[in-house]
Each structure stands twice: as structure tokens, then as C-alpha cells.
Amino acid sequence: MIEPWISELWPHWLRPLWLLALPLLGWLLWQLWHREKRSGRWQLLLPALMQQALLSSGRGQRYRGAWLLLGVAWLLAVLVLLGPSWQRVEHSRIKRADPLVVVLDLTPAMLATDLPPSRLEQSRRKLQDLLKARQEAQTALVVYAGSAHTVVPLSDDLMTSRNLLQALQPSIMPESGQRADLGVARAVELLQ
């Protein structure tokens, strides 16, 4: 079992898929390191005594240090790309909520006080709570009486929706009636 203080010293990787690049870079470095021995295939043509003098000419040791330096540089680059962090960052995997269209009745019956202060005020309070709960989700508001109207189109600008809720009164509706079917049709239209 790892001690808690040791696990705090080990970084958390923000982009761990970059670890997959390490074997590829290792293979590439190996190929570059041994390239000189394979280049030109002169070993097959020259006698063994002449190969040392003609093929290496003292450059091999110098180049090996350069390849080692290149390998360390690649390793550091991959470590940077991994995004080490000593603070745990929780990525939100929660998908934003689906769009919602609220259809509100704005007939004069909403002014009834059977639910004090009024049905309309109760509806406003419930809508405020709903908007507060859907902070980053798209929400639209449609009102209806004899006709249906979009007050707020699908948007995540909830401040506008909250401000417009207070202005909603049955008196602003151009036609009297109770056409909920028009409100639902407008809501479906917005969702499509």
C-alpha cells in the first residue's frame, strides 16, 4: 500500500495518452543510433581490418552522445505534453442537460388566488427555481392564451429569462382563449 504522502508527491497526468508516444520515440531513437552501422552496407564489401579505419573514423562516440541528448530531450517533451499536475483536477464528465422548453399558461385564470398569492406568482417561483437548477443548460419560454408566443428562445442566458418572468401578465396577450395546443406546437418547433 502506498503511503498518502508519497501519492501526493506523484503528479496527476492531465493528458495520459501521450505515454503512448514513448515506445514510438524509443524505437525511433534506436533506429537513429544504429543507422551508421547499416548505412551503405559497406561492411559487406570491405575487409574487417579496413572497416574500423574507414567506416567509424572516430565519429561514433561523439554521435552517440548526441543521440542520448536527443532521447532525453524527447522524454522531457513527452513529460511536458502529459500535463503533470500536483493538484487533482476533476473533469466534469456530466453532459449538459438536454434543451428544455417551458410552456406557461397566461390566461386570466392564472390570476386566481386559490393558491396564495396567485397561480401566476406560484408559476413564476417554480420557474425561478427551475432556471436556477439549469444554470448551463439551454432553456426556452413559451406563453399561450388565445395564441402562443416565444418569450425567450433556446438560450443559456438565464438572467434574461429571470428578468422577463416578472413582466409576464395575462394582459400582455393579444388574444384571449386557452390554446395550449398552440403553445405545445411552438415548443416542439423550438426544439427542432
N, C-alpha and C. Protein backbone atom coordinates (compact mmCIF):
# COMPACT_ATOMS: atom_id res chain seq x y z
N MET A 1 0.84 -1.20 0.00
CA MET A 1 0.00 0.00 0.00
C MET A 1 0.88 1.25 0.00
N ILE A 2 0.54 2.22 -0.82
CA ILE A 2 1.33 3.44 -0.92
C ILE A 2 0.92 4.40 0.18
N GLU A 3 1.92 4.97 0.80
CA GLU A 3 1.65 5.96 1.84
C GLU A 3 0.99 7.20 1.22
N PRO A 4 0.07 7.85 1.96
CA PRO A 4 -0.62 9.02 1.39
C PRO A 4 0.33 10.15 1.01
N TRP A 5 1.38 10.36 1.78
CA TRP A 5 2.28 11.47 1.47
C TRP A 5 3.09 11.20 0.20
N ILE A 6 3.33 9.91 -0.12
CA ILE A 6 4.04 9.58 -1.35
C ILE A 6 3.15 9.84 -2.56
N SER A 7 1.87 9.48 -2.43
CA SER A 7 0.96 9.71 -3.56
C SER A 7 0.76 11.21 -3.82
N GLU A 8 0.95 12.04 -2.81
CA GLU A 8 0.84 13.49 -3.03
C GLU A 8 2.04 14.04 -3.78
N LEU A 9 3.19 13.35 -3.67
CA LEU A 9 4.39 13.80 -4.40
C LEU A 9 4.33 13.41 -5.87
N TRP A 10 3.59 12.35 -6.21
CA TRP A 10 3.49 11.89 -7.59
C TRP A 10 2.47 12.74 -8.32
N PRO A 11 2.81 13.24 -9.51
CA PRO A 11 1.86 14.11 -10.21
C PRO A 11 0.69 13.33 -10.82
N HIS A 12 -0.39 14.04 -11.07
CA HIS A 12 -1.53 13.51 -11.81
C HIS A 12 -1.34 13.97 -13.24
N TRP A 13 -1.60 13.09 -14.20
CA TRP A 13 -1.41 13.42 -15.60
C TRP A 13 -2.72 13.90 -16.20
N LEU A 14 -2.69 15.09 -16.79
CA LEU A 14 -3.90 15.65 -17.40
C LEU A 14 -4.17 15.04 -18.78
N ARG A 15 -3.09 14.64 -19.49
CA ARG A 15 -3.24 14.05 -20.82
C ARG A 15 -2.40 12.77 -20.90
N PRO A 16 -2.84 11.70 -20.24
CA PRO A 16 -2.02 10.49 -20.15
C PRO A 16 -1.84 9.73 -21.47
N LEU A 17 -2.62 10.03 -22.50
CA LEU A 17 -2.47 9.33 -23.77
C LEU A 17 -1.12 9.59 -24.44
N TRP A 18 -0.43 10.65 -24.02
CA TRP A 18 0.88 10.93 -24.59
C TRP A 18 1.90 9.88 -24.19
N LEU A 19 1.60 9.06 -23.18
CA LEU A 19 2.51 7.97 -22.82
C LEU A 19 2.66 6.98 -23.97
N LEU A 20 1.67 6.91 -24.84
CA LEU A 20 1.75 6.01 -25.99
C LEU A 20 2.84 6.43 -26.97
N ALA A 21 3.31 7.66 -26.89
CA ALA A 21 4.36 8.13 -27.79
C ALA A 21 5.73 7.62 -27.35
N LEU A 22 5.90 7.22 -26.10
CA LEU A 22 7.21 6.80 -25.61
C LEU A 22 7.77 5.59 -26.35
N PRO A 23 7.01 4.50 -26.55
CA PRO A 23 7.59 3.38 -27.31
C PRO A 23 7.98 3.76 -28.74
N LEU A 24 7.18 4.60 -29.37
CA LEU A 24 7.50 5.03 -30.73
C LEU A 24 8.79 5.84 -30.75
N LEU A 25 8.93 6.76 -29.80
CA LEU A 25 10.15 7.57 -29.75
C LEU A 25 11.36 6.72 -29.40
N GLY A 26 11.17 5.73 -28.52
CA GLY A 26 12.27 4.82 -28.19
C GLY A 26 12.73 4.03 -29.41
N TRP A 27 11.77 3.52 -30.19
CA TRP A 27 12.10 2.78 -31.40
C TRP A 27 12.83 3.69 -32.40
N LEU A 28 12.34 4.92 -32.56
CA LEU A 28 12.96 5.85 -33.49
C LEU A 28 14.38 6.19 -33.06
N LEU A 29 14.60 6.38 -31.78
CA LEU A 29 15.93 6.67 -31.27
C LEU A 29 16.87 5.48 -31.50
N TRP A 30 16.37 4.28 -31.29
CA TRP A 30 17.16 3.07 -31.53
C TRP A 30 17.57 2.98 -33.01
N GLN A 31 16.62 3.30 -33.88
CA GLN A 31 16.92 3.27 -35.31
C GLN A 31 17.97 4.31 -35.68
N LEU A 32 17.87 5.49 -35.11
CA LEU A 32 18.86 6.54 -35.40
C LEU A 32 20.23 6.17 -34.85
N TRP A 33 20.27 5.57 -33.68
CA TRP A 33 21.52 5.20 -33.02
C TRP A 33 22.30 4.20 -33.88
N HIS A 34 21.58 3.24 -34.44
CA HIS A 34 22.24 2.18 -35.20
C HIS A 34 22.25 2.43 -36.70
N ARG A 35 21.93 3.60 -37.10
CA ARG A 35 21.88 3.93 -38.52
C ARG A 35 23.25 3.87 -39.18
N GLU A 36 24.28 4.34 -38.47
CA GLU A 36 25.61 4.38 -39.05
C GLU A 36 26.11 2.99 -39.43
N LYS A 37 25.79 2.01 -38.61
CA LYS A 37 26.27 0.65 -38.90
C LYS A 37 25.62 0.08 -40.14
N ARG A 38 24.40 0.48 -40.40
CA ARG A 38 23.67 -0.06 -41.53
C ARG A 38 23.81 0.77 -42.79
N SER A 39 24.27 2.01 -42.67
CA SER A 39 24.28 2.90 -43.84
C SER A 39 25.24 2.40 -44.91
N GLY A 40 24.74 2.21 -46.08
CA GLY A 40 25.55 1.82 -47.23
C GLY A 40 25.95 0.37 -47.28
N ARG A 41 25.82 -0.36 -46.24
CA ARG A 41 26.20 -1.77 -46.19
C ARG A 41 27.65 -1.99 -46.65
N TRP A 42 28.49 -1.05 -46.25
CA TRP A 42 29.90 -1.17 -46.62
C TRP A 42 30.57 -2.32 -45.88
N GLN A 43 29.98 -2.74 -44.78
CA GLN A 43 30.57 -3.83 -44.02
C GLN A 43 30.66 -5.10 -44.86
N LEU A 44 29.75 -5.30 -45.77
CA LEU A 44 29.76 -6.50 -46.60
C LEU A 44 30.86 -6.45 -47.66
N LEU A 45 31.28 -5.27 -48.05
CA LEU A 45 32.25 -5.13 -49.14
C LEU A 45 33.70 -4.98 -48.65
N LEU A 46 33.87 -4.35 -47.50
CA LEU A 46 35.23 -4.06 -47.01
C LEU A 46 35.72 -5.17 -46.09
N PRO A 47 36.99 -5.44 -46.11
CA PRO A 47 37.55 -6.39 -45.14
C PRO A 47 37.44 -5.84 -43.73
N ALA A 48 37.41 -6.72 -42.74
CA ALA A 48 37.21 -6.34 -41.34
C ALA A 48 38.26 -5.36 -40.85
N LEU A 49 39.52 -5.53 -41.25
CA LEU A 49 40.58 -4.62 -40.79
C LEU A 49 40.38 -3.21 -41.32
N MET A 50 39.86 -3.08 -42.51
CA MET A 50 39.67 -1.76 -43.10
C MET A 50 38.39 -1.08 -42.61
N GLN A 51 37.43 -1.86 -42.16
CA GLN A 51 36.16 -1.28 -41.71
C GLN A 51 36.36 -0.32 -40.55
N GLN A 52 37.22 -0.70 -39.60
CA GLN A 52 37.44 0.17 -38.44
C GLN A 52 38.01 1.51 -38.86
N ALA A 53 38.94 1.49 -39.72
CA ALA A 53 39.61 2.72 -40.12
C ALA A 53 38.74 3.57 -41.05
N LEU A 54 38.06 2.92 -41.97
CA LEU A 54 37.33 3.67 -42.98
C LEU A 54 35.91 4.06 -42.57
N LEU A 55 35.22 3.22 -41.81
CA LEU A 55 33.81 3.48 -41.54
C LEU A 55 33.57 4.29 -40.27
N SER A 56 34.26 4.01 -39.21
CA SER A 56 33.93 4.73 -37.98
C SER A 56 34.66 6.06 -37.89
N SER A 57 35.93 6.07 -38.20
CA SER A 57 36.80 7.25 -38.17
C SER A 57 36.59 8.10 -36.93
N GLY A 58 36.29 7.45 -35.80
CA GLY A 58 36.22 8.17 -34.53
C GLY A 58 34.97 8.99 -34.31
N ARG A 59 34.04 8.99 -35.23
CA ARG A 59 32.84 9.83 -35.08
C ARG A 59 31.76 9.15 -34.27
N GLY A 60 31.78 7.84 -34.13
CA GLY A 60 30.70 7.09 -33.49
C GLY A 60 30.46 7.52 -32.05
N GLN A 61 31.51 7.70 -31.28
CA GLN A 61 31.34 8.06 -29.87
C GLN A 61 30.72 9.45 -29.73
N ARG A 62 31.13 10.34 -30.57
CA ARG A 62 30.61 11.70 -30.49
C ARG A 62 29.12 11.72 -30.83
N TYR A 63 28.71 10.94 -31.84
CA TYR A 63 27.31 10.91 -32.25
C TYR A 63 26.43 10.21 -31.22
N ARG A 64 26.98 9.23 -30.53
CA ARG A 64 26.18 8.52 -29.52
C ARG A 64 25.75 9.48 -28.40
N GLY A 65 26.61 10.38 -28.03
CA GLY A 65 26.24 11.38 -27.02
C GLY A 65 25.13 12.29 -27.52
N ALA A 66 25.16 12.62 -28.79
CA ALA A 66 24.11 13.46 -29.38
C ALA A 66 22.78 12.71 -29.38
N TRP A 67 22.81 11.39 -29.69
CA TRP A 67 21.58 10.61 -29.69
C TRP A 67 21.02 10.49 -28.28
N LEU A 68 21.90 10.34 -27.31
CA LEU A 68 21.45 10.27 -25.92
C LEU A 68 20.81 11.59 -25.50
N LEU A 69 21.42 12.70 -25.88
CA LEU A 69 20.86 14.01 -25.59
C LEU A 69 19.50 14.19 -26.27
N LEU A 70 19.39 13.72 -27.52
CA LEU A 70 18.11 13.79 -28.22
C LEU A 70 17.04 12.97 -27.52
N GLY A 71 17.41 11.78 -27.04
CA GLY A 71 16.47 10.93 -26.30
C GLY A 71 15.97 11.60 -25.04
N VAL A 72 16.86 12.24 -24.29
CA VAL A 72 16.47 12.94 -23.06
C VAL A 72 15.55 14.11 -23.40
N ALA A 73 15.85 14.82 -24.48
CA ALA A 73 15.00 15.96 -24.89
C ALA A 73 13.61 15.47 -25.26
N TRP A 74 13.52 14.35 -25.98
CA TRP A 74 12.21 13.80 -26.35
C TRP A 74 11.44 13.36 -25.11
N LEU A 75 12.14 12.74 -24.16
CA LEU A 75 11.49 12.30 -22.93
C LEU A 75 10.93 13.49 -22.16
N LEU A 76 11.70 14.57 -22.07
CA LEU A 76 11.21 15.77 -21.39
C LEU A 76 10.02 16.39 -22.13
N ALA A 77 10.06 16.35 -23.46
CA ALA A 77 8.93 16.90 -24.24
C ALA A 77 7.66 16.10 -23.97
N VAL A 78 7.78 14.77 -23.91
CA VAL A 78 6.60 13.95 -23.63
C VAL A 78 6.09 14.21 -22.22
N LEU A 79 6.99 14.38 -21.26
CA LEU A 79 6.57 14.69 -19.89
C LEU A 79 5.81 16.01 -19.82
N VAL A 80 6.25 16.98 -20.60
CA VAL A 80 5.54 18.26 -20.63
C VAL A 80 4.16 18.09 -21.26
N LEU A 81 4.10 17.30 -22.36
CA LEU A 81 2.82 17.08 -23.03
C LEU A 81 1.83 16.29 -22.17
N LEU A 82 2.35 15.48 -21.24
CA LEU A 82 1.48 14.74 -20.33
C LEU A 82 0.69 15.67 -19.41
N GLY A 83 1.19 16.85 -19.18
CA GLY A 83 0.49 17.82 -18.33
C GLY A 83 0.51 17.42 -16.87
N PRO A 84 1.70 17.34 -16.26
CA PRO A 84 1.74 16.94 -14.84
C PRO A 84 1.12 18.02 -13.96
N SER A 85 0.36 17.57 -12.98
CA SER A 85 -0.28 18.50 -12.04
C SER A 85 -0.26 17.85 -10.67
N TRP A 86 0.10 18.62 -9.67
CA TRP A 86 0.12 18.08 -8.31
C TRP A 86 -1.17 18.39 -7.58
N GLN A 87 -2.08 19.03 -8.24
CA GLN A 87 -3.42 19.26 -7.68
C GLN A 87 -4.39 18.43 -8.50
N ARG A 88 -5.23 17.70 -7.80
CA ARG A 88 -6.20 16.85 -8.51
C ARG A 88 -7.22 17.74 -9.17
N VAL A 89 -7.35 17.59 -10.49
CA VAL A 89 -8.34 18.35 -11.25
C VAL A 89 -9.42 17.37 -11.67
N GLU A 90 -10.62 17.58 -11.19
CA GLU A 90 -11.75 16.72 -11.54
C GLU A 90 -12.38 17.25 -12.81
N HIS A 91 -12.36 16.43 -13.85
CA HIS A 91 -13.01 16.82 -15.10
C HIS A 91 -14.47 16.44 -15.01
N SER A 92 -15.30 17.38 -15.33
CA SER A 92 -16.73 17.11 -15.28
C SER A 92 -17.12 16.27 -16.49
N ARG A 93 -17.54 15.05 -16.24
CA ARG A 93 -17.98 14.18 -17.32
C ARG A 93 -19.49 14.29 -17.51
N ILE A 94 -20.11 15.17 -16.72
CA ILE A 94 -21.56 15.32 -16.80
C ILE A 94 -21.89 16.10 -18.06
N LYS A 95 -22.70 15.52 -18.87
CA LYS A 95 -23.12 16.17 -20.10
C LYS A 95 -24.13 17.26 -19.75
N ARG A 96 -24.04 18.36 -20.47
CA ARG A 96 -25.02 19.41 -20.25
C ARG A 96 -26.41 18.87 -20.48
N ALA A 97 -27.34 19.38 -19.71
CA ALA A 97 -28.71 18.88 -19.79
C ALA A 97 -29.31 19.15 -21.18
N ASP A 98 -30.23 18.32 -21.52
CA ASP A 98 -30.92 18.50 -22.80
C ASP A 98 -31.68 19.81 -22.79
N PRO A 99 -31.95 20.38 -23.96
CA PRO A 99 -32.73 21.63 -24.01
C PRO A 99 -34.13 21.41 -23.45
N LEU A 100 -34.66 22.46 -22.86
CA LEU A 100 -35.98 22.41 -22.25
C LEU A 100 -36.78 23.62 -22.69
N VAL A 101 -38.03 23.39 -23.07
CA VAL A 101 -38.93 24.50 -23.39
C VAL A 101 -40.06 24.46 -22.38
N VAL A 102 -40.24 25.56 -21.65
CA VAL A 102 -41.31 25.66 -20.66
C VAL A 102 -42.48 26.38 -21.33
N VAL A 103 -43.66 25.78 -21.25
CA VAL A 103 -44.87 26.38 -21.82
C VAL A 103 -45.73 26.86 -20.66
N LEU A 104 -45.98 28.16 -20.61
CA LEU A 104 -46.68 28.77 -19.49
C LEU A 104 -48.04 29.32 -19.93
N ASP A 105 -49.05 29.00 -19.15
CA ASP A 105 -50.41 29.48 -19.39
C ASP A 105 -50.49 30.93 -18.91
N LEU A 106 -50.91 31.85 -19.79
CA LEU A 106 -51.08 33.25 -19.40
C LEU A 106 -52.53 33.69 -19.61
N THR A 107 -53.46 32.82 -19.30
CA THR A 107 -54.88 33.19 -19.37
C THR A 107 -55.26 33.91 -18.08
N PRO A 108 -56.39 34.64 -18.07
CA PRO A 108 -56.82 35.32 -16.84
C PRO A 108 -57.04 34.37 -15.66
N ALA A 109 -57.23 33.08 -15.92
CA ALA A 109 -57.40 32.10 -14.83
C ALA A 109 -56.15 32.00 -13.97
N MET A 110 -54.99 32.41 -14.48
CA MET A 110 -53.75 32.36 -13.71
C MET A 110 -53.70 33.41 -12.61
N LEU A 111 -54.63 34.36 -12.65
CA LEU A 111 -54.68 35.38 -11.60
C LEU A 111 -55.50 34.93 -10.39
N ALA A 112 -56.10 33.75 -10.47
CA ALA A 112 -56.92 33.24 -9.36
C ALA A 112 -56.03 33.07 -8.12
N THR A 113 -56.62 33.35 -6.97
CA THR A 113 -55.86 33.31 -5.72
C THR A 113 -56.15 32.07 -4.90
N ASP A 114 -56.56 30.97 -5.53
CA ASP A 114 -56.79 29.74 -4.77
C ASP A 114 -55.47 29.20 -4.20
N LEU A 115 -54.35 29.52 -4.82
CA LEU A 115 -53.02 29.25 -4.28
C LEU A 115 -52.37 30.61 -4.02
N PRO A 116 -52.44 31.09 -2.76
CA PRO A 116 -51.94 32.44 -2.49
C PRO A 116 -50.47 32.59 -2.84
N PRO A 117 -50.01 33.66 -3.37
CA PRO A 117 -50.71 34.88 -3.75
C PRO A 117 -51.53 34.73 -5.03
N SER A 118 -51.02 33.98 -6.05
CA SER A 118 -51.82 33.69 -7.24
C SER A 118 -51.16 32.52 -7.97
N ARG A 119 -51.90 31.92 -8.88
CA ARG A 119 -51.32 30.83 -9.66
C ARG A 119 -50.12 31.31 -10.49
N LEU A 120 -50.24 32.52 -11.01
CA LEU A 120 -49.16 33.07 -11.82
C LEU A 120 -47.90 33.27 -10.99
N GLU A 121 -48.07 33.80 -9.78
CA GLU A 121 -46.90 34.01 -8.91
C GLU A 121 -46.27 32.68 -8.51
N GLN A 122 -47.09 31.67 -8.24
CA GLN A 122 -46.57 30.34 -7.92
C GLN A 122 -45.78 29.78 -9.11
N SER A 123 -46.32 29.97 -10.30
CA SER A 123 -45.63 29.50 -11.51
C SER A 123 -44.30 30.22 -11.70
N ARG A 124 -44.27 31.52 -11.44
CA ARG A 124 -43.02 32.28 -11.55
C ARG A 124 -41.97 31.74 -10.58
N ARG A 125 -42.37 31.48 -9.35
CA ARG A 125 -41.43 30.96 -8.34
C ARG A 125 -40.87 29.60 -8.76
N LYS A 126 -41.74 28.74 -9.27
CA LYS A 126 -41.27 27.42 -9.72
C LYS A 126 -40.34 27.55 -10.92
N LEU A 127 -40.64 28.48 -11.81
CA LEU A 127 -39.76 28.70 -12.96
C LEU A 127 -38.41 29.27 -12.53
N GLN A 128 -38.42 30.15 -11.53
CA GLN A 128 -37.15 30.69 -11.00
C GLN A 128 -36.29 29.55 -10.46
N ASP A 129 -36.91 28.64 -9.70
CA ASP A 129 -36.17 27.50 -9.15
C ASP A 129 -35.65 26.60 -10.27
N LEU A 130 -36.47 26.39 -11.27
CA LEU A 130 -36.07 25.56 -12.40
C LEU A 130 -34.89 26.18 -13.14
N LEU A 131 -34.94 27.49 -13.37
CA LEU A 131 -33.85 28.17 -14.06
C LEU A 131 -32.57 28.13 -13.24
N LYS A 132 -32.70 28.25 -11.94
CA LYS A 132 -31.53 28.18 -11.07
C LYS A 132 -30.88 26.80 -11.15
N ALA A 133 -31.69 25.76 -11.25
CA ALA A 133 -31.17 24.39 -11.31
C ALA A 133 -30.54 24.08 -12.67
N ARG A 134 -30.95 24.77 -13.71
CA ARG A 134 -30.44 24.52 -15.07
C ARG A 134 -29.46 25.61 -15.49
N GLN A 135 -28.46 25.87 -14.71
CA GLN A 135 -27.58 27.02 -14.93
C GLN A 135 -26.88 27.02 -16.28
N GLU A 136 -26.40 25.90 -16.75
CA GLU A 136 -25.67 25.90 -18.02
C GLU A 136 -26.44 25.19 -19.13
N ALA A 137 -27.70 25.01 -18.97
CA ALA A 137 -28.48 24.29 -19.97
C ALA A 137 -29.36 25.26 -20.75
N GLN A 138 -29.64 24.91 -21.97
CA GLN A 138 -30.48 25.76 -22.80
C GLN A 138 -31.94 25.61 -22.39
N THR A 139 -32.57 26.74 -22.17
CA THR A 139 -33.97 26.76 -21.73
C THR A 139 -34.69 27.84 -22.52
N ALA A 140 -35.91 27.53 -22.93
CA ALA A 140 -36.75 28.50 -23.65
C ALA A 140 -38.06 28.66 -22.90
N LEU A 141 -38.75 29.76 -23.16
CA LEU A 141 -40.02 30.02 -22.51
C LEU A 141 -41.04 30.43 -23.56
N VAL A 142 -42.17 29.71 -23.56
CA VAL A 142 -43.28 29.99 -24.48
C VAL A 142 -44.51 30.26 -23.62
N VAL A 143 -45.26 31.29 -23.96
CA VAL A 143 -46.51 31.59 -23.25
C VAL A 143 -47.68 31.45 -24.23
N TYR A 144 -48.84 31.13 -23.68
CA TYR A 144 -50.02 30.98 -24.54
C TYR A 144 -51.26 31.47 -23.81
N ALA A 145 -52.20 31.87 -24.61
CA ALA A 145 -53.59 32.15 -24.21
C ALA A 145 -54.39 31.79 -25.46
N GLY A 146 -54.86 32.80 -26.22
CA GLY A 146 -55.53 32.52 -27.48
C GLY A 146 -54.53 32.29 -28.60
N SER A 147 -53.28 32.67 -28.38
CA SER A 147 -52.19 32.45 -29.33
C SER A 147 -50.93 32.12 -28.52
N ALA A 148 -49.94 31.60 -29.18
CA ALA A 148 -48.70 31.22 -28.48
C ALA A 148 -47.56 32.11 -28.97
N HIS A 149 -46.66 32.46 -28.03
CA HIS A 149 -45.55 33.36 -28.35
C HIS A 149 -44.29 32.91 -27.62
N THR A 150 -43.16 33.04 -28.30
CA THR A 150 -41.87 32.72 -27.70
C THR A 150 -41.39 33.95 -26.95
N VAL A 151 -41.25 33.83 -25.65
CA VAL A 151 -40.73 34.94 -24.84
C VAL A 151 -39.21 34.90 -24.86
N VAL A 152 -38.64 33.71 -24.64
CA VAL A 152 -37.19 33.54 -24.66
C VAL A 152 -36.89 32.32 -25.53
N PRO A 153 -36.11 32.48 -26.61
CA PRO A 153 -35.73 31.32 -27.41
C PRO A 153 -34.73 30.44 -26.66
N LEU A 154 -34.43 29.27 -27.18
CA LEU A 154 -33.47 28.39 -26.52
C LEU A 154 -32.15 29.12 -26.33
N SER A 155 -31.77 29.26 -25.07
CA SER A 155 -30.56 30.00 -24.73
C SER A 155 -30.11 29.59 -23.34
N ASP A 156 -28.80 29.75 -23.08
CA ASP A 156 -28.32 29.50 -21.73
C ASP A 156 -28.15 30.82 -20.96
N ASP A 157 -28.69 31.90 -21.53
CA ASP A 157 -28.69 33.20 -20.85
C ASP A 157 -29.90 33.24 -19.91
N LEU A 158 -29.71 32.73 -18.71
CA LEU A 158 -30.82 32.60 -17.78
C LEU A 158 -31.20 33.91 -17.10
N MET A 159 -30.30 34.88 -17.10
CA MET A 159 -30.63 36.18 -16.50
C MET A 159 -31.75 36.86 -17.28
N THR A 160 -31.71 36.75 -18.59
CA THR A 160 -32.77 37.33 -19.42
C THR A 160 -34.11 36.67 -19.09
N SER A 161 -34.08 35.35 -18.98
CA SER A 161 -35.32 34.63 -18.66
C SER A 161 -35.87 35.05 -17.32
N ARG A 162 -35.00 35.19 -16.33
CA ARG A 162 -35.46 35.60 -14.98
C ARG A 162 -36.05 37.00 -15.01
N ASN A 163 -35.42 37.89 -15.76
CA ASN A 163 -35.93 39.27 -15.82
C ASN A 163 -37.28 39.34 -16.53
N LEU A 164 -37.45 38.56 -17.57
CA LEU A 164 -38.70 38.60 -18.32
C LEU A 164 -39.85 37.94 -17.58
N LEU A 165 -39.53 37.03 -16.67
CA LEU A 165 -40.60 36.36 -15.90
C LEU A 165 -41.46 37.36 -15.15
N GLN A 166 -40.85 38.40 -14.61
CA GLN A 166 -41.59 39.38 -13.81
C GLN A 166 -42.56 40.20 -14.66
N ALA A 167 -42.27 40.33 -15.93
CA ALA A 167 -43.13 41.15 -16.80
C ALA A 167 -44.32 40.37 -17.37
N LEU A 168 -44.37 39.08 -17.16
CA LEU A 168 -45.45 38.28 -17.74
C LEU A 168 -46.76 38.48 -16.98
N GLN A 169 -47.76 38.93 -17.71
CA GLN A 169 -49.11 39.15 -17.18
C GLN A 169 -50.11 38.72 -18.26
N PRO A 170 -51.28 38.24 -17.87
CA PRO A 170 -52.29 37.90 -18.89
C PRO A 170 -52.67 39.08 -19.78
N SER A 171 -52.53 40.29 -19.28
CA SER A 171 -52.92 41.46 -20.07
C SER A 171 -52.01 41.70 -21.28
N ILE A 172 -50.83 41.10 -21.33
CA ILE A 172 -49.95 41.32 -22.49
C ILE A 172 -50.29 40.42 -23.67
N MET A 173 -51.16 39.45 -23.45
CA MET A 173 -51.50 38.52 -24.52
C MET A 173 -52.46 39.20 -25.51
N PRO A 174 -52.19 39.11 -26.82
CA PRO A 174 -53.02 39.81 -27.80
C PRO A 174 -54.39 39.18 -28.00
N GLU A 175 -54.52 37.87 -27.77
CA GLU A 175 -55.81 37.20 -27.97
C GLU A 175 -56.20 36.44 -26.72
N SER A 176 -57.49 36.48 -26.40
CA SER A 176 -57.96 35.70 -25.25
C SER A 176 -58.30 34.30 -25.72
N GLY A 177 -58.30 33.38 -24.81
CA GLY A 177 -58.59 31.99 -25.13
C GLY A 177 -57.70 31.07 -24.33
N GLN A 178 -57.78 29.80 -24.63
CA GLN A 178 -56.96 28.83 -23.92
C GLN A 178 -56.47 27.78 -24.92
N ARG A 179 -55.50 28.16 -25.73
CA ARG A 179 -54.99 27.30 -26.80
C ARG A 179 -53.64 26.71 -26.40
N ALA A 180 -53.68 25.75 -25.49
CA ALA A 180 -52.45 25.07 -25.06
C ALA A 180 -51.81 24.34 -26.23
N ASP A 181 -52.63 23.88 -27.19
CA ASP A 181 -52.08 23.16 -28.35
C ASP A 181 -51.12 24.04 -29.15
N LEU A 182 -51.43 25.35 -29.22
CA LEU A 182 -50.52 26.26 -29.93
C LEU A 182 -49.21 26.43 -29.18
N GLY A 183 -49.29 26.46 -27.84
CA GLY A 183 -48.06 26.57 -27.02
C GLY A 183 -47.17 25.36 -27.17
N VAL A 184 -47.79 24.17 -27.19
CA VAL A 184 -47.00 22.93 -27.34
C VAL A 184 -46.40 22.87 -28.75
N ALA A 185 -47.17 23.28 -29.76
CA ALA A 185 -46.66 23.28 -31.14
C ALA A 185 -45.46 24.22 -31.25
N ARG A 186 -45.54 25.38 -30.61
CA ARG A 186 -44.41 26.33 -30.64
C ARG A 186 -43.20 25.75 -29.93
N ALA A 187 -43.43 25.03 -28.82
CA ALA A 187 -42.32 24.40 -28.09
C ALA A 187 -41.64 23.34 -28.93
N VAL A 188 -42.42 22.52 -29.63
CA VAL A 188 -41.85 21.49 -30.50
C VAL A 188 -41.04 22.14 -31.63
N GLU A 189 -41.56 23.23 -32.14
CA GLU A 189 -40.87 23.98 -33.19
C GLU A 189 -39.50 24.46 -32.71
N LEU A 190 -39.45 24.98 -31.48
CA LEU A 190 -38.18 25.45 -30.92
C LEU A 190 -37.19 24.31 -30.70
N LEU A 191 -37.68 23.16 -30.29
CA LEU A 191 -36.79 22.03 -30.04
C LEU A 191 -36.22 21.45 -31.33
N GLN A 192 -36.98 21.58 -32.41
CA GLN A 192 -36.49 21.04 -33.68
C GLN A 192 -35.51 22.00 -34.31
